[in-house]
Protein backbone atom coordinates (compact mmCIF):
# COMPACT_ATOMS: atom_id res chain seq x y z
CA UNK A 1 -0.33 -5.53 -64.62
CA UNK A 2 -3.36 -4.34 -63.08
CA UNK A 3 -3.71 -1.31 -60.62
CA UNK A 4 -6.25 0.45 -59.06
CA UNK A 5 -6.71 4.23 -58.57
CA UNK A 6 -7.55 5.56 -55.26
CA UNK A 7 -9.87 8.25 -53.88
CA UNK A 8 -8.05 10.58 -55.23
CA UNK A 9 -7.84 9.47 -58.75
CA UNK A 10 -4.07 8.37 -57.95
CA UNK A 11 -2.67 5.61 -59.81
CA UNK A 12 0.48 3.75 -58.73
CA UNK A 13 3.14 2.54 -61.21
CA UNK A 14 5.80 0.14 -59.95
CA UNK A 15 8.58 1.37 -62.34
CA UNK A 16 8.02 5.40 -61.66
CA UNK A 17 10.37 7.07 -59.39
CA UNK A 18 9.84 10.22 -57.38
CA UNK A 19 9.88 13.63 -59.80
CA UNK A 20 9.39 11.32 -62.99
CA UNK A 21 6.85 13.59 -65.24
CA UNK A 22 4.31 11.57 -67.47
CA UNK A 23 2.52 12.82 -70.77
CA UNK A 24 -1.09 11.22 -70.71
CA UNK A 25 -2.44 10.53 -74.36
CA UNK A 26 -5.88 9.42 -74.45
CA UNK A 27 -5.78 6.93 -77.12
CA UNK A 28 -9.73 5.99 -77.18
CA UNK A 29 -12.48 4.87 -74.86
CA UNK A 30 -11.07 4.23 -71.73
CA UNK A 31 -7.62 3.55 -73.00
CA UNK A 32 -4.54 6.00 -72.22
CA UNK A 33 -0.72 6.03 -72.98
CA UNK A 34 1.48 7.18 -70.20
CA UNK A 35 4.89 8.27 -71.94
CA UNK A 36 7.72 9.09 -69.52
CA UNK A 37 9.06 12.64 -70.36
CA UNK A 38 13.06 12.83 -70.03
CA UNK A 39 14.49 15.41 -67.37
CA UNK A 40 16.36 18.09 -68.57
CA UNK A 41 20.09 18.28 -67.92
CA UNK A 42 20.63 21.14 -65.40
CA UNK A 43 22.00 23.97 -66.40
CA UNK A 44 25.65 24.86 -64.94
CA UNK A 45 26.06 26.70 -62.30
CA UNK A 46 28.12 29.66 -62.23
CA UNK A 47 31.71 29.70 -60.25
CA UNK A 48 32.00 32.40 -57.50
CA UNK A 49 34.61 33.99 -59.68
CA UNK A 50 32.41 34.15 -62.32
CA UNK A 51 29.49 35.59 -60.07
CA UNK A 52 31.86 38.27 -59.00
CA UNK A 53 33.10 39.03 -62.63
CA UNK A 54 29.64 39.96 -63.83
CA UNK A 55 28.93 41.88 -60.86
CA UNK A 56 32.21 43.92 -61.21
CA UNK A 57 31.33 44.31 -65.38
CA UNK A 58 27.61 45.06 -65.20
CA UNK A 59 27.03 47.39 -62.01
CA UNK A 60 23.65 48.43 -61.22
CA UNK A 61 22.85 52.13 -61.95
CA UNK A 62 20.13 54.43 -61.61
CA UNK A 63 19.16 56.09 -65.32
CA UNK A 64 17.43 58.73 -63.97
CA UNK A 65 17.94 61.09 -61.08
CA UNK A 66 16.30 60.85 -57.63
CA UNK A 67 13.76 63.55 -57.72
CA UNK A 68 12.27 61.81 -61.52
CA UNK A 69 12.25 58.54 -59.75
CA UNK A 70 9.99 60.01 -57.05
CA UNK A 71 7.82 62.08 -58.83
CA UNK A 72 6.98 58.65 -60.76
CA UNK A 73 6.61 56.68 -57.67
CA UNK A 74 4.41 59.31 -55.22
CA UNK A 75 0.88 59.80 -55.43
CA UNK A 76 0.13 63.60 -55.90
């Protein structure tokens, strides 16, 4: 199989799918090896109940008082 690069240095691979990622290894003068990398498995998303439980168990709280925060963030 032969193919030609376009003006933007792109080459079309007939068996490639959109989103495929390839590692390009230079084998020598004018020789390249393309290795398709496996897509990672998507992480499991938290359920609504798990999200609400996480919010309840870790409420956001300031660890300093308002005057101290104001002094740190305002210009003198």
